[in-house]
C-alpha atoms as a PDB file:
ATOM      1  CA  MET A   1    -125.118 121.262 -40.716  1.00  0.00           C
ATOM      2  CA  ALA A   2    -122.534 119.070 -42.346  1.00  0.00           C
ATOM      3  CA  ARG A   3    -123.435 115.560 -43.477  1.00  0.00           C
ATOM      4  CA  LYS A   4    -121.014 114.011 -41.044  1.00  0.00           C
ATOM      5  CA  CYS A   5    -121.399 111.453 -38.273  1.00  0.00           C
ATOM      6  CA  GLN A   6    -120.781 113.060 -34.891  1.00  0.00           C
ATOM      7  CA  MET A   7    -119.347 109.844 -33.482  1.00  0.00           C
ATOM      8  CA  THR A   8    -117.161 108.340 -36.171  1.00  0.00           C
ATOM      9  CA  GLY A   9    -116.593 111.386 -38.401  1.00  0.00           C
ATOM     10  CA  VAL A  10    -117.729 109.545 -41.537  1.00  0.00           C
ATOM     11  CA  GLY A  11    -118.675 111.959 -44.328  1.00  0.00           C
ATOM     12  CA  PRO A  12    -119.690 111.837 -47.980  1.00  0.00           C
ATOM     13  CA  LYS A  13    -117.616 109.760 -50.390  1.00  0.00           C
ATOM     14  CA  SER A  14    -117.063 110.555 -54.056  1.00  0.00           C
ATOM     15  CA  GLY A  15    -116.285 108.393 -57.029  1.00  0.00           C
ATOM     16  CA  ASN A  16    -117.115 107.612 -60.630  1.00  0.00           C
ATOM     17  CA  LYS A  17    -120.091 105.880 -62.168  1.00  0.00           C
ATOM     18  CA  VAL A  18    -118.687 104.047 -65.184  1.00  0.00           C
ATOM     19  CA  SER A  19    -120.971 103.167 -68.098  1.00  0.00           C
ATOM     20  CA  HIS A  20    -120.603 100.251 -70.476  1.00  0.00           C
ATOM     21  CA  ALA A  21    -119.022 102.691 -72.968  1.00  0.00           C
ATOM     22  CA  ASN A  22    -116.484 103.601 -70.228  1.00  0.00           C
ATOM     23  CA  ASN A  23    -117.882 107.119 -69.770  1.00  0.00           C
ATOM     24  CA  LYS A  24    -117.127 108.415 -66.273  1.00  0.00           C
ATOM     25  CA  THR A  25    -119.594 110.540 -64.334  1.00  0.00           C
ATOM     26  CA  ARG A  26    -118.781 111.879 -60.871  1.00  0.00           C
ATOM     27  CA  THR A  27    -121.087 110.636 -58.123  1.00  0.00           C
ATOM     28  CA  ARG A  28    -121.405 111.307 -54.417  1.00  0.00           C
ATOM     29  CA  SER A  29    -122.640 108.822 -51.841  1.00  0.00           C
ATOM     30  CA  LEU A  30    -123.916 110.164 -48.549  1.00  0.00           C
ATOM     31  CA  PRO A  31    -123.703 108.332 -45.213  1.00  0.00           C
ATOM     32  CA  ASN A  32    -126.911 106.939 -43.721  1.00  0.00           C
ATOM     33  CA  LEU A  33    -127.380 109.512 -40.950  1.00  0.00           C
ATOM     34  CA  GLN A  34    -130.114 109.269 -38.338  1.00  0.00           C
ATOM     35  CA  LYS A  35    -131.072 111.668 -35.551  1.00  0.00           C
ATOM     36  CA  LYS A  36    -131.214 110.004 -32.135  1.00  0.00           C
ATOM     37  CA  ARG A  37    -131.607 111.267 -28.572  1.00  0.00           C
ATOM     38  CA  PHE A  38    -129.506 109.777 -25.792  1.00  0.00           C
ATOM     39  CA  PHE A  39    -129.612 110.311 -22.053  1.00  0.00           C
ATOM     40  CA  VAL A  40    -126.241 111.277 -20.569  1.00  0.00           C
ATOM     41  CA  LYS A  41    -126.195 110.014 -16.985  1.00  0.00           C
ATOM     42  CA  SER A  42    -123.313 112.217 -15.800  1.00  0.00           C
ATOM     43  CA  LYS A  43    -125.058 115.430 -16.957  1.00  0.00           C
ATOM     44  CA  LYS A  44    -128.585 114.114 -16.261  1.00  0.00           C
ATOM     45  CA  SER A  45    -129.789 115.545 -19.560  1.00  0.00           C
ATOM     46  CA  TRP A  46    -130.688 114.505 -23.091  1.00  0.00           C
ATOM     47  CA  VAL A  47    -128.425 115.107 -26.083  1.00  0.00           C
ATOM     48  CA  THR A  48    -129.421 114.788 -29.754  1.00  0.00           C
ATOM     49  CA  LEU A  49    -126.807 113.396 -32.139  1.00  0.00           C
ATOM     50  CA  ARG A  50    -126.665 112.732 -35.898  1.00  0.00           C
ATOM     51  CA  LEU A  51    -125.109 109.289 -36.213  1.00  0.00           C
ATOM     52  CA  THR A  52    -124.617 106.713 -38.920  1.00  0.00           C
ATOM     53  CA  THR A  53    -126.476 103.435 -38.507  1.00  0.00           C
ATOM     54  CA  ARG A  54    -123.148 101.725 -37.913  1.00  0.00           C
ATOM     55  CA  ALA A  55    -122.461 104.058 -34.959  1.00  0.00           C
ATOM     56  CA  LEU A  56    -125.928 103.301 -33.572  1.00  0.00           C
ATOM     57  CA  ARG A  57    -125.099  99.603 -33.661  1.00  0.00           C
ATOM     58  CA  THR A  58    -121.857 100.287 -31.804  1.00  0.00           C
ATOM     59  CA  ILE A  59    -123.788 102.117 -29.075  1.00  0.00           C
ATOM     60  CA  ASP A  60    -126.229  99.184 -28.873  1.00  0.00           C
ATOM     61  CA  LYS A  61    -123.246  96.912 -28.294  1.00  0.00           C
ATOM     62  CA  TYR A  62    -122.487  98.906 -25.136  1.00  0.00           C
ATOM     63  CA  GLY A  63    -126.067  98.494 -23.908  1.00  0.00           C
ATOM     64  CA  GLY A  64    -127.181 101.923 -25.095  1.00  0.00           C
ATOM     65  CA  ASP A  65    -124.692 103.662 -22.788  1.00  0.00           C
ATOM     66  CA  ILE A  66    -123.438 106.620 -24.808  1.00  0.00           C
ATOM     67  CA  GLU A  67    -120.595 107.392 -22.387  1.00  0.00           C
ATOM     68  CA  ALA A  68    -119.186 103.869 -22.592  1.00  0.00           C
ATOM     69  CA  ALA A  69    -119.235 104.090 -26.402  1.00  0.00           C
ATOM     70  CA  ALA A  70    -117.590 107.537 -26.237  1.00  0.00           C
ATOM     71  CA  LYS A  71    -114.476 105.988 -24.747  1.00  0.00           C
ATOM     72  CA  LYS A  72    -113.899 104.230 -28.063  1.00  0.00           C
ATOM     73  CA  TYR A  73    -114.289 107.347 -30.219  1.00  0.00           C
ATOM     74  CA  GLU A  74    -112.469 110.617 -29.485  1.00  0.00           C
ATOM     75  CA  GLU A  75    -114.741 112.483 -31.921  1.00  0.00           C
ATOM     76  CA  LEU A  76    -117.857 111.820 -29.826  1.00  0.00           C
ATOM     77  CA  ARG A  77    -116.415 113.157 -26.576  1.00  0.00           C
ATOM     78  CA  LYS A  78    -116.700 116.784 -27.694  1.00  0.00           C
ATOM     79  CA  TRP A  79    -120.468 116.411 -28.299  1.00  0.00           C
ATOM     80  CA  ILE A  80    -121.329 114.937 -24.905  1.00  0.00           C
END
């Protein structure tokens, strides 16, 4: 499974770590993904999603209603 948020589509980022001597080493930072189960009222079933912590906060803003948060993000609609 890809290290990608199923709601926002955020994936790994790459860049350089630069030393004091200006040596550049490639680095990769991964998103903070968490597995979380949500109840979908329209389907009357549970769905498990891998979301970033930022996406979880967005869902909390909508009162934990995953379908209301899905209206904001097109990417999430295909998973519900």
